[in-house]
N, C-alpha and C. Protein backbone atom coordinates (compact mmCIF):
# COMPACT_ATOMS: atom_id res chain seq x y z
N MET A 1 24.95 43.91 109.14
CA MET A 1 23.87 43.85 108.16
C MET A 1 22.65 43.20 108.76
N GLU A 2 21.50 43.77 108.49
CA GLU A 2 20.25 43.16 108.92
C GLU A 2 19.45 42.79 107.68
N LEU A 3 18.93 41.61 107.70
CA LEU A 3 18.22 41.10 106.54
C LEU A 3 16.80 40.76 106.94
N LEU A 4 15.84 41.34 106.22
CA LEU A 4 14.45 41.11 106.55
C LEU A 4 13.78 40.28 105.46
N VAL A 5 13.22 39.16 105.88
CA VAL A 5 12.49 38.31 104.94
C VAL A 5 11.02 38.32 105.35
N GLU A 6 10.16 38.72 104.43
CA GLU A 6 8.74 38.76 104.73
C GLU A 6 8.07 37.52 104.13
N LEU A 7 7.54 36.68 104.99
CA LEU A 7 6.84 35.48 104.52
C LEU A 7 5.38 35.62 104.92
N GLY A 8 4.56 36.12 103.99
CA GLY A 8 3.17 36.36 104.33
C GLY A 8 3.09 37.42 105.42
N ILE A 9 2.54 37.05 106.58
CA ILE A 9 2.44 37.98 107.69
C ILE A 9 3.64 37.85 108.63
N PHE A 10 4.51 36.90 108.31
CA PHE A 10 5.66 36.65 109.18
C PHE A 10 6.84 37.53 108.77
N GLU A 11 7.55 38.03 109.75
CA GLU A 11 8.76 38.81 109.47
C GLU A 11 9.91 38.20 110.25
N VAL A 12 10.95 37.82 109.54
CA VAL A 12 12.10 37.20 110.19
C VAL A 12 13.33 38.07 109.97
N TRP A 13 13.92 38.51 111.06
CA TRP A 13 15.13 39.31 110.96
C TRP A 13 16.34 38.41 111.17
N ILE A 14 17.30 38.52 110.27
CA ILE A 14 18.52 37.72 110.38
C ILE A 14 19.73 38.65 110.38
N SER A 15 20.51 38.58 111.42
CA SER A 15 21.74 39.37 111.48
C SER A 15 22.90 38.50 111.01
N THR A 16 23.66 39.01 110.04
CA THR A 16 24.75 38.22 109.50
C THR A 16 26.03 39.04 109.44
N GLU A 17 27.15 38.35 109.42
CA GLU A 17 28.42 39.02 109.16
C GLU A 17 28.55 39.21 107.66
N HIS A 18 29.36 40.17 107.24
CA HIS A 18 29.50 40.46 105.81
C HIS A 18 30.02 39.25 105.06
N SER A 19 30.86 38.45 105.70
CA SER A 19 31.44 37.27 105.05
C SER A 19 30.38 36.20 104.80
N GLN A 20 29.29 36.27 105.55
CA GLN A 20 28.25 35.24 105.42
C GLN A 20 27.09 35.70 104.53
N THR A 21 27.08 36.99 104.20
CA THR A 21 25.94 37.56 103.48
C THR A 21 25.65 36.87 102.16
N SER A 22 26.70 36.59 101.37
CA SER A 22 26.51 36.01 100.05
C SER A 22 25.88 34.62 100.13
N SER A 23 26.31 33.81 101.09
CA SER A 23 25.78 32.46 101.21
C SER A 23 24.33 32.49 101.70
N VAL A 24 24.05 33.40 102.63
CA VAL A 24 22.68 33.54 103.14
C VAL A 24 21.75 34.02 102.03
N PHE A 25 22.23 35.00 101.25
CA PHE A 25 21.42 35.54 100.17
C PHE A 25 21.14 34.49 99.11
N ALA A 26 22.16 33.67 98.81
CA ALA A 26 22.00 32.62 97.81
C ALA A 26 20.91 31.64 98.23
N THR A 27 20.88 31.30 99.52
CA THR A 27 19.86 30.40 100.04
C THR A 27 18.48 31.02 99.91
N LEU A 28 18.39 32.31 100.19
CA LEU A 28 17.10 33.01 100.11
C LEU A 28 16.62 33.11 98.68
N ARG A 29 17.57 33.30 97.75
CA ARG A 29 17.18 33.37 96.33
C ARG A 29 16.59 32.05 95.87
N LYS A 30 17.15 30.94 96.36
CA LYS A 30 16.63 29.63 96.01
C LYS A 30 15.21 29.48 96.54
N SER A 31 14.99 29.97 97.76
CA SER A 31 13.66 29.90 98.35
C SER A 31 12.69 30.80 97.60
N ALA A 32 13.19 31.96 97.17
CA ALA A 32 12.35 32.92 96.46
C ALA A 32 11.88 32.34 95.12
N ARG A 33 12.72 31.51 94.51
CA ARG A 33 12.33 30.89 93.24
C ARG A 33 11.19 29.89 93.46
N LEU A 34 11.16 29.31 94.65
CA LEU A 34 10.10 28.35 94.96
C LEU A 34 8.82 29.05 95.41
N LYS A 35 9.01 30.16 96.13
CA LYS A 35 7.86 30.92 96.61
C LYS A 35 8.02 32.37 96.19
N LYS A 36 7.30 32.75 95.15
CA LYS A 36 7.47 34.08 94.57
C LYS A 36 6.94 35.19 95.48
N ASP A 37 6.22 34.82 96.54
CA ASP A 37 5.67 35.84 97.42
C ASP A 37 6.68 36.30 98.47
N ILE A 38 7.89 35.71 98.43
CA ILE A 38 8.93 36.10 99.39
C ILE A 38 9.59 37.40 98.94
N ARG A 39 9.58 38.37 99.82
CA ARG A 39 10.24 39.64 99.52
C ARG A 39 11.45 39.79 100.43
N VAL A 40 12.58 40.07 99.82
CA VAL A 40 13.81 40.19 100.58
C VAL A 40 14.31 41.63 100.54
N HIS A 41 14.55 42.18 101.72
CA HIS A 41 15.00 43.57 101.81
C HIS A 41 16.36 43.61 102.50
N PHE A 42 17.29 44.31 101.89
CA PHE A 42 18.60 44.46 102.49
C PHE A 42 18.81 45.93 102.88
N ASN A 43 19.36 46.14 104.05
CA ASN A 43 19.69 47.49 104.47
C ASN A 43 20.96 47.46 105.30
N ASP A 44 22.01 48.03 104.75
CA ASP A 44 23.28 48.08 105.47
C ASP A 44 23.41 49.47 106.07
N ARG A 45 23.42 49.54 107.38
CA ARG A 45 23.42 50.83 108.06
C ARG A 45 24.73 51.59 107.89
N THR A 46 25.80 50.89 107.49
CA THR A 46 27.10 51.54 107.36
C THR A 46 27.37 51.94 105.91
N GLU A 47 26.83 51.21 104.96
CA GLU A 47 27.10 51.47 103.55
C GLU A 47 25.87 51.97 102.80
N GLY A 48 24.74 52.00 103.46
CA GLY A 48 23.52 52.43 102.81
C GLY A 48 22.79 51.26 102.16
N PRO A 49 21.55 51.48 101.74
CA PRO A 49 20.74 50.41 101.13
C PRO A 49 21.35 49.92 99.81
N TYR A 50 21.30 48.63 99.58
CA TYR A 50 21.75 48.07 98.32
C TYR A 50 21.15 46.69 98.12
N MET A 51 21.15 46.22 96.88
CA MET A 51 20.61 44.91 96.58
C MET A 51 21.56 44.17 95.65
N HIS A 52 21.84 42.90 95.98
CA HIS A 52 22.67 42.08 95.09
C HIS A 52 21.82 41.52 93.97
N HIS A 53 22.41 41.39 92.81
CA HIS A 53 21.67 40.82 91.68
C HIS A 53 22.36 39.54 91.23
């Protein structure tokens, strides 16, 4: 899984194992609540695009 976080003009790619995805996403959601301009994009090349809610 590759996770792209866009912070303004900055783009940070984070590669994670599937077992770590939920914890990483939870951390990003907390950050997103503090900074609403954070856009998080998930793309799983094996299972197709999806988003956790």
